[in-house]
Amino acid sequence: MLGLGAGGLVAAPYAQRALENVLGSVSDKDPTGVTGLLPNGGGFRYYSVASSVPHRNESDYRLTVDGLVERPRHYGLAQLRALPQERMVRDVQCVTGWRVPDTPFEGVRLARLLDAAGVRDEATAVRFTCFDGAYSESLTLEQARRADVLVALRMRDEPLSHAHGGPARLYVAPMYFYKSAKWLSGITLTREVRPGYWEKRGYDIDAWVGRSNGRDDVPTAT
């Protein structure tokens, strides 16, 4: 019995990742969204507003920083990985109610990419677009420059999987998870905040955990 128990502890992380991969793959091809209602072993649910999402990898992934900037930039995965990486461990809170505690994310601080592009004086906000062709998000420039806002390349100490928005996603630690746009492809500086996909459908633009959307969740950050 002790041997079986020990074996189960060893196998559990692999079984969990296998389950997540299966659910992620199925949900990627599920236009009904029903699979998004199923929790996996890690506590996450998979959401997509597109019927399917193309895969991107080392050879064809590109992230563009443009709009009201002095120096538009284009990054491949290798270039993003070569920049200084930040790691943080925070709870992930979905506005639908589920929460995954102590989740590590690692990536490039968004403020570093903004500084490299040279933000023009008239810019006050940042718009994010995704290679699913449908999703978008926005932050004020002040919010985007926070130290806990990343272009994430890793999650739970592994490369970001396609199902979790890889190879790169936005991660806004103190806000509800819909602000952390998956499959990130564009960062555009704008004169004003443009409501994102879910804000156009009634969600709050300023989505602080515990201080928005009529919820009283414990904040994930101050």
C-alpha atoms as a PDB file:
ATOM      1  CA  MET A   1       0.000   0.000   0.000  1.00  0.00           C
ATOM      2  CA  LEU A   2       2.852   2.357   0.855  1.00  0.00           C
ATOM      3  CA  GLY A   3       4.437   1.593  -2.508  1.00  0.00           C
ATOM      4  CA  LEU A   4       1.214   2.305  -4.354  1.00  0.00           C
ATOM      5  CA  GLY A   5       0.782   5.563  -2.456  1.00  0.00           C
ATOM      6  CA  ALA A   6       4.312   6.665  -3.226  1.00  0.00           C
ATOM      7  CA  GLY A   7       3.848   5.715  -6.869  1.00  0.00           C
ATOM      8  CA  GLY A   8       0.672   7.748  -7.007  1.00  0.00           C
ATOM      9  CA  LEU A   9       2.447  10.825  -5.648  1.00  0.00           C
ATOM     10  CA  VAL A  10       5.165  10.498  -8.260  1.00  0.00           C
ATOM     11  CA  ALA A  11       2.721   9.934 -11.116  1.00  0.00           C
ATOM     12  CA  ALA A  12       0.193  12.588 -10.105  1.00  0.00           C
ATOM     13  CA  PRO A  13       1.913  15.620 -11.733  1.00  0.00           C
ATOM     14  CA  TYR A  14       2.325  13.727 -15.016  1.00  0.00           C
ATOM     15  CA  ALA A  15      -1.284  12.544 -14.947  1.00  0.00           C
ATOM     16  CA  GLN A  16      -2.461  16.089 -14.228  1.00  0.00           C
ATOM     17  CA  ARG A  17      -0.488  17.522 -17.148  1.00  0.00           C
ATOM     18  CA  ALA A  18      -1.778  14.777 -19.436  1.00  0.00           C
ATOM     19  CA  LEU A  19      -5.369  15.579 -18.444  1.00  0.00           C
ATOM     20  CA  GLU A  20      -4.777  19.282 -19.037  1.00  0.00           C
ATOM     21  CA  ASN A  21      -3.284  18.601 -22.462  1.00  0.00           C
ATOM     22  CA  VAL A  22      -6.243  16.437 -23.454  1.00  0.00           C
ATOM     23  CA  LEU A  23      -8.839  18.951 -22.264  1.00  0.00           C
ATOM     24  CA  GLY A  24      -6.914  21.800 -23.846  1.00  0.00           C
ATOM     25  CA  SER A  25      -6.730  20.006 -27.177  1.00  0.00           C
ATOM     26  CA  VAL A  26     -10.427  19.121 -27.100  1.00  0.00           C
ATOM     27  CA  SER A  27     -11.525  22.612 -26.072  1.00  0.00           C
ATOM     28  CA  ASP A  28      -9.451  24.103 -28.872  1.00  0.00           C
ATOM     29  CA  LYS A  29     -11.718  22.263 -31.324  1.00  0.00           C
ATOM     30  CA  ASP A  30     -14.976  22.746 -29.410  1.00  0.00           C
ATOM     31  CA  PRO A  31     -17.030  25.671 -30.801  1.00  0.00           C
ATOM     32  CA  THR A  32     -19.773  25.082 -28.196  1.00  0.00           C
ATOM     33  CA  GLY A  33     -17.605  26.066 -25.223  1.00  0.00           C
ATOM     34  CA  VAL A  34     -18.973  23.154 -23.184  1.00  0.00           C
ATOM     35  CA  THR A  35     -15.500  21.792 -22.432  1.00  0.00           C
ATOM     36  CA  GLY A  36     -14.661  25.120 -20.819  1.00  0.00           C
ATOM     37  CA  LEU A  37     -17.031  24.186 -18.005  1.00  0.00           C
ATOM     38  CA  LEU A  38     -14.900  21.185 -17.039  1.00  0.00           C
ATOM     39  CA  PRO A  39     -12.216  21.791 -14.400  1.00  0.00           C
ATOM     40  CA  ASN A  40      -8.958  19.939 -14.913  1.00  0.00           C
ATOM     41  CA  GLY A  41      -6.533  18.695 -12.298  1.00  0.00           C
ATOM     42  CA  GLY A  42      -4.837  22.075 -12.062  1.00  0.00           C
ATOM     43  CA  GLY A  43      -8.065  23.927 -11.382  1.00  0.00           C
ATOM     44  CA  PHE A  44      -8.075  25.865 -14.659  1.00  0.00           C
ATOM     45  CA  ARG A  45     -10.870  25.998 -17.209  1.00  0.00           C
ATOM     46  CA  TYR A  46     -10.181  26.594 -20.883  1.00  0.00           C
ATOM     47  CA  TYR A  47     -11.913  29.463 -22.635  1.00  0.00           C
ATOM     48  CA  SER A  48     -11.722  30.687 -26.212  1.00  0.00           C
ATOM     49  CA  VAL A  49     -14.004  33.086 -28.057  1.00  0.00           C
ATOM     50  CA  ALA A  50     -12.883  31.706 -31.433  1.00  0.00           C
ATOM     51  CA  SER A  51     -13.965  28.412 -32.972  1.00  0.00           C
ATOM     52  CA  SER A  52     -10.303  27.454 -33.428  1.00  0.00           C
ATOM     53  CA  VAL A  53      -6.918  29.020 -32.722  1.00  0.00           C
ATOM     54  CA  PRO A  54      -3.838  28.513 -34.897  1.00  0.00           C
ATOM     55  CA  HIS A  55      -0.677  27.238 -33.248  1.00  0.00           C
ATOM     56  CA  ARG A  56       2.448  29.387 -33.204  1.00  0.00           C
ATOM     57  CA  ASN A  57       5.977  28.229 -32.452  1.00  0.00           C
ATOM     58  CA  GLU A  58       9.619  29.314 -32.502  1.00  0.00           C
ATOM     59  CA  SER A  59       9.632  29.795 -36.270  1.00  0.00           C
ATOM     60  CA  ASP A  60       6.412  31.751 -36.822  1.00  0.00           C
ATOM     61  CA  TYR A  61       5.541  33.579 -33.585  1.00  0.00           C
ATOM     62  CA  ARG A  62       5.805  37.384 -33.717  1.00  0.00           C
ATOM     63  CA  LEU A  63       4.858  40.051 -31.192  1.00  0.00           C
ATOM     64  CA  THR A  64       4.466  43.616 -32.489  1.00  0.00           C
ATOM     65  CA  VAL A  65       4.680  46.791 -30.402  1.00  0.00           C
ATOM     66  CA  ASP A  66       3.294  49.742 -32.355  1.00  0.00           C
ATOM     67  CA  GLY A  67       0.830  52.630 -32.323  1.00  0.00           C
ATOM     68  CA  LEU A  68       1.873  55.821 -30.565  1.00  0.00           C
ATOM     69  CA  VAL A  69       5.531  54.880 -30.188  1.00  0.00           C
ATOM     70  CA  GLU A  70       8.788  56.294 -31.518  1.00  0.00           C
ATOM     71  CA  ARG A  71      10.293  52.927 -32.439  1.00  0.00           C
ATOM     72  CA  PRO A  72       7.873  50.146 -33.452  1.00  0.00           C
ATOM     73  CA  ARG A  73       9.316  46.782 -32.484  1.00  0.00           C
ATOM     74  CA  HIS A  74       8.873  43.169 -33.565  1.00  0.00           C
ATOM     75  CA  TYR A  75       9.897  40.251 -31.360  1.00  0.00           C
ATOM     76  CA  GLY A  76      10.284  36.568 -31.995  1.00  0.00           C
ATOM     77  CA  LEU A  77      10.291  34.049 -29.158  1.00  0.00           C
ATOM     78  CA  ALA A  78      14.079  33.880 -28.981  1.00  0.00           C
ATOM     79  CA  GLN A  79      14.274  37.663 -28.645  1.00  0.00           C
ATOM     80  CA  LEU A  80      11.690  37.710 -25.850  1.00  0.00           C
ATOM     81  CA  ARG A  81      13.498  34.916 -24.006  1.00  0.00           C
ATOM     82  CA  ALA A  82      16.791  36.800 -24.276  1.00  0.00           C
ATOM     83  CA  LEU A  83      15.374  39.753 -22.325  1.00  0.00           C
ATOM     84  CA  PRO A  84      15.517  39.861 -18.501  1.00  0.00           C
ATOM     85  CA  GLN A  85      12.823  37.572 -17.086  1.00  0.00           C
ATOM     86  CA  GLU A  86      10.652  38.236 -14.049  1.00  0.00           C
ATOM     87  CA  ARG A  87       9.040  35.459 -12.006  1.00  0.00           C
ATOM     88  CA  MET A  88       6.063  35.910  -9.722  1.00  0.00           C
ATOM     89  CA  VAL A  89       3.773  33.562  -7.832  1.00  0.00           C
ATOM     90  CA  ARG A  90       0.198  34.767  -7.359  1.00  0.00           C
ATOM     91  CA  ASP A  91      -3.306  33.374  -7.199  1.00  0.00           C
ATOM     92  CA  VAL A  92      -5.199  33.306 -10.501  1.00  0.00           C
ATOM     93  CA  GLN A  93      -8.792  34.473 -10.065  1.00  0.00           C
ATOM     94  CA  CYS A  94     -11.441  34.103 -12.776  1.00  0.00           C
ATOM     95  CA  VAL A  95     -14.437  36.411 -12.739  1.00  0.00           C
ATOM     96  CA  THR A  96     -16.654  33.316 -13.032  1.00  0.00           C
ATOM     97  CA  GLY A  97     -15.543  32.247  -9.556  1.00  0.00           C
ATOM     98  CA  TRP A  98     -12.770  29.651  -9.794  1.00  0.00           C
ATOM     99  CA  ARG A  99      -9.385  30.368  -8.313  1.00  0.00           C
ATOM    100  CA  VAL A 100      -6.002  28.647  -8.677  1.00  0.00           C
ATOM    101  CA  PRO A 101      -3.664  29.542  -5.797  1.00  0.00           C
ATOM    102  CA  ASP A 102       0.081  30.106  -5.932  1.00  0.00           C
ATOM    103  CA  THR A 103       0.541  29.915  -9.695  1.00  0.00           C
ATOM    104  CA  PRO A 104       4.029  30.812 -10.984  1.00  0.00           C
ATOM    105  CA  PHE A 105       4.303  32.949 -14.114  1.00  0.00           C
ATOM    106  CA  GLU A 106       7.515  34.085 -15.737  1.00  0.00           C
ATOM    107  CA  GLY A 107       8.205  36.485 -18.572  1.00  0.00           C
ATOM    108  CA  VAL A 108       9.215  39.973 -19.664  1.00  0.00           C
ATOM    109  CA  ARG A 109       7.912  42.945 -17.754  1.00  0.00           C
ATOM    110  CA  LEU A 110       5.550  44.795 -20.097  1.00  0.00           C
ATOM    111  CA  ALA A 111       7.046  48.137 -19.050  1.00  0.00           C
ATOM    112  CA  ARG A 112      10.394  47.035 -20.499  1.00  0.00           C
ATOM    113  CA  LEU A 113       8.839  46.512 -23.942  1.00  0.00           C
ATOM    114  CA  LEU A 114       7.054  49.865 -23.744  1.00  0.00           C
ATOM    115  CA  ASP A 115      10.268  51.666 -22.852  1.00  0.00           C
ATOM    116  CA  ALA A 116      12.136  49.977 -25.707  1.00  0.00           C
ATOM    117  CA  ALA A 117       9.512  51.257 -28.145  1.00  0.00           C
ATOM    118  CA  GLY A 118       9.531  54.812 -26.774  1.00  0.00           C
ATOM    119  CA  VAL A 119       5.986  55.768 -25.742  1.00  0.00           C
ATOM    120  CA  ARG A 120       4.864  59.080 -27.192  1.00  0.00           C
ATOM    121  CA  ASP A 121       3.434  61.783 -24.927  1.00  0.00           C
ATOM    122  CA  GLU A 122      -0.103  61.538 -26.293  1.00  0.00           C
ATOM    123  CA  ALA A 123      -0.423  57.838 -25.427  1.00  0.00           C
ATOM    124  CA  THR A 124      -2.465  57.073 -22.309  1.00  0.00           C
ATOM    125  CA  ALA A 125      -3.469  53.441 -22.852  1.00  0.00           C
ATOM    126  CA  VAL A 126      -2.379  50.105 -24.318  1.00  0.00           C
ATOM    127  CA  ARG A 127      -4.465  47.803 -26.509  1.00  0.00           C
ATOM    128  CA  PHE A 128      -3.673  44.087 -26.812  1.00  0.00           C
ATOM    129  CA  THR A 129      -4.657  41.887 -29.762  1.00  0.00           C
ATOM    130  CA  CYS A 130      -4.348  38.139 -30.187  1.00  0.00           C
ATOM    131  CA  PHE A 131      -3.642  35.714 -32.995  1.00  0.00           C
ATOM    132  CA  ASP A 132      -6.951  33.949 -32.449  1.00  0.00           C
ATOM    133  CA  GLY A 133      -8.301  36.821 -34.553  1.00  0.00           C
ATOM    134  CA  ALA A 134     -11.050  37.734 -32.090  1.00  0.00           C
ATOM    135  CA  TYR A 135      -9.875  38.611 -28.580  1.00  0.00           C
ATOM    136  CA  SER A 136      -8.653  42.000 -27.402  1.00  0.00           C
ATOM    137  CA  GLU A 137      -7.920  43.762 -24.122  1.00  0.00           C
ATOM    138  CA  SER A 138      -6.791  47.167 -22.855  1.00  0.00           C
ATOM    139  CA  LEU A 139      -5.032  48.738 -19.893  1.00  0.00           C
ATOM    140  CA  THR A 140      -4.272  52.317 -18.984  1.00  0.00           C
ATOM    141  CA  LEU A 141      -0.614  53.193 -19.451  1.00  0.00           C
ATOM    142  CA  GLU A 142      -0.237  53.463 -15.668  1.00  0.00           C
ATOM    143  CA  GLN A 143      -1.655  49.968 -15.190  1.00  0.00           C
ATOM    144  CA  ALA A 144       0.503  48.554 -17.983  1.00  0.00           C
ATOM    145  CA  ARG A 145       3.671  49.875 -16.333  1.00  0.00           C
ATOM    146  CA  ARG A 146       3.050  48.027 -13.061  1.00  0.00           C
ATOM    147  CA  ALA A 147       5.776  45.622 -11.989  1.00  0.00           C
ATOM    148  CA  ASP A 148       3.249  42.760 -11.815  1.00  0.00           C
ATOM    149  CA  VAL A 149       2.194  42.946 -15.483  1.00  0.00           C
ATOM    150  CA  LEU A 150       4.117  40.585 -17.764  1.00  0.00           C
ATOM    151  CA  VAL A 151       4.298  39.245 -21.261  1.00  0.00           C
ATOM    152  CA  ALA A 152       4.424  35.701 -19.900  1.00  0.00           C
ATOM    153  CA  LEU A 153       6.381  32.911 -21.594  1.00  0.00           C
ATOM    154  CA  ARG A 154       6.241  30.334 -18.812  1.00  0.00           C
ATOM    155  CA  MET A 155       3.583  29.120 -16.371  1.00  0.00           C
ATOM    156  CA  ARG A 156       4.095  26.718 -13.477  1.00  0.00           C
ATOM    157  CA  ASP A 157       7.800  26.574 -14.417  1.00  0.00           C
ATOM    158  CA  GLU A 158       7.157  25.205 -17.903  1.00  0.00           C
ATOM    159  CA  PRO A 159       6.877  26.858 -21.318  1.00  0.00           C
ATOM    160  CA  LEU A 160       3.407  28.276 -21.787  1.00  0.00           C
ATOM    161  CA  SER A 161       1.269  25.691 -23.568  1.00  0.00           C
ATOM    162  CA  HIS A 162      -1.037  26.532 -26.450  1.00  0.00           C
ATOM    163  CA  ALA A 163      -4.102  25.782 -24.313  1.00  0.00           C
ATOM    164  CA  HIS A 164      -2.917  28.323 -21.732  1.00  0.00           C
ATOM    165  CA  GLY A 165      -2.341  31.017 -24.360  1.00  0.00           C
ATOM    166  CA  GLY A 166       1.169  30.161 -25.512  1.00  0.00           C
ATOM    167  CA  PRO A 167       3.676  30.749 -26.695  1.00  0.00           C
ATOM    168  CA  ALA A 168       3.148  34.185 -25.093  1.00  0.00           C
ATOM    169  CA  ARG A 169       0.262  35.768 -23.234  1.00  0.00           C
ATOM    170  CA  LEU A 170      -0.424  38.858 -21.207  1.00  0.00           C
ATOM    171  CA  TYR A 171      -0.443  38.325 -17.443  1.00  0.00           C
ATOM    172  CA  VAL A 172      -2.015  41.046 -15.278  1.00  0.00           C
ATOM    173  CA  ALA A 173      -1.556  39.628 -11.799  1.00  0.00           C
ATOM    174  CA  PRO A 174      -3.891  41.905  -9.746  1.00  0.00           C
ATOM    175  CA  MET A 175      -6.837  41.745 -12.145  1.00  0.00           C
ATOM    176  CA  TYR A 176      -9.399  39.110 -13.060  1.00  0.00           C
ATOM    177  CA  PHE A 177      -7.987  36.620 -15.505  1.00  0.00           C
ATOM    178  CA  TYR A 178      -9.941  37.856 -18.546  1.00  0.00           C
ATOM    179  CA  LYS A 179      -7.526  40.806 -18.621  1.00  0.00           C
ATOM    180  CA  SER A 180      -4.617  38.375 -19.177  1.00  0.00           C
ATOM    181  CA  ALA A 181      -5.152  37.956 -22.904  1.00  0.00           C
ATOM    182  CA  LYS A 182      -4.057  34.616 -24.357  1.00  0.00           C
ATOM    183  CA  TRP A 183      -2.210  34.117 -27.676  1.00  0.00           C
ATOM    184  CA  LEU A 184      -0.803  37.648 -27.564  1.00  0.00           C
ATOM    185  CA  SER A 185       0.334  39.071 -30.901  1.00  0.00           C
ATOM    186  CA  GLY A 186      -0.031  42.859 -30.714  1.00  0.00           C
ATOM    187  CA  ILE A 187       0.672  45.646 -28.217  1.00  0.00           C
ATOM    188  CA  THR A 188      -0.570  49.005 -29.480  1.00  0.00           C
ATOM    189  CA  LEU A 189      -0.238  52.358 -27.713  1.00  0.00           C
ATOM    190  CA  THR A 190      -3.431  54.434 -28.009  1.00  0.00           C
ATOM    191  CA  ARG A 191      -4.800  57.822 -26.989  1.00  0.00           C
ATOM    192  CA  GLU A 192      -7.535  56.291 -24.828  1.00  0.00           C
ATOM    193  CA  VAL A 193      -8.635  52.955 -23.415  1.00  0.00           C
ATOM    194  CA  ARG A 194     -10.548  50.867 -25.933  1.00  0.00           C
ATOM    195  CA  PRO A 195     -12.905  48.354 -24.308  1.00  0.00           C
ATOM    196  CA  GLY A 196     -11.828  44.764 -24.883  1.00  0.00           C
ATOM    197  CA  TYR A 197     -13.836  41.742 -25.955  1.00  0.00           C
ATOM    198  CA  TRP A 198     -15.524  41.126 -22.597  1.00  0.00           C
ATOM    199  CA  GLU A 199     -15.843  44.802 -21.644  1.00  0.00           C
ATOM    200  CA  LYS A 200     -18.019  45.269 -24.728  1.00  0.00           C
ATOM    201  CA  ARG A 201     -20.197  42.534 -23.244  1.00  0.00           C
ATOM    202  CA  GLY A 202     -20.626  44.091 -19.810  1.00  0.00           C
ATOM    203  CA  TYR A 203     -17.473  43.282 -17.825  1.00  0.00           C
ATOM    204  CA  ASP A 204     -15.644  46.067 -16.007  1.00  0.00           C
ATOM    205  CA  ILE A 205     -12.745  47.755 -17.801  1.00  0.00           C
ATOM    206  CA  ASP A 206     -10.840  48.168 -14.522  1.00  0.00           C
ATOM    207  CA  ALA A 207     -10.950  44.561 -13.361  1.00  0.00           C
ATOM    208  CA  TRP A 208      -9.187  44.610  -9.988  1.00  0.00           C
ATOM    209  CA  VAL A 209      -9.762  41.379  -8.091  1.00  0.00           C
ATOM    210  CA  GLY A 210     -12.137  42.085  -5.215  1.00  0.00           C
ATOM    211  CA  ARG A 211     -12.920  45.617  -6.390  1.00  0.00           C
ATOM    212  CA  SER A 212     -14.849  45.122  -9.628  1.00  0.00           C
ATOM    213  CA  ASN A 213     -17.581  43.193 -11.428  1.00  0.00           C
ATOM    214  CA  GLY A 214     -19.731  43.112  -8.282  1.00  0.00           C
ATOM    215  CA  ARG A 215     -17.552  40.437  -6.646  1.00  0.00           C
ATOM    216  CA  ASP A 216     -15.952  40.399  -3.208  1.00  0.00           C
ATOM    217  CA  ASP A 217     -13.007  38.049  -3.830  1.00  0.00           C
ATOM    218  CA  VAL A 218      -9.850  38.368  -1.789  1.00  0.00           C
ATOM    219  CA  PRO A 219      -7.413  40.557  -3.790  1.00  0.00           C
ATOM    220  CA  THR A 220      -4.503  38.780  -5.454  1.00  0.00           C
ATOM    221  CA  ALA A 221      -2.219  41.802  -5.031  1.00  0.00           C
ATOM    222  CA  THR A 222      -2.261  45.268  -3.469  1.00  0.00           C
END
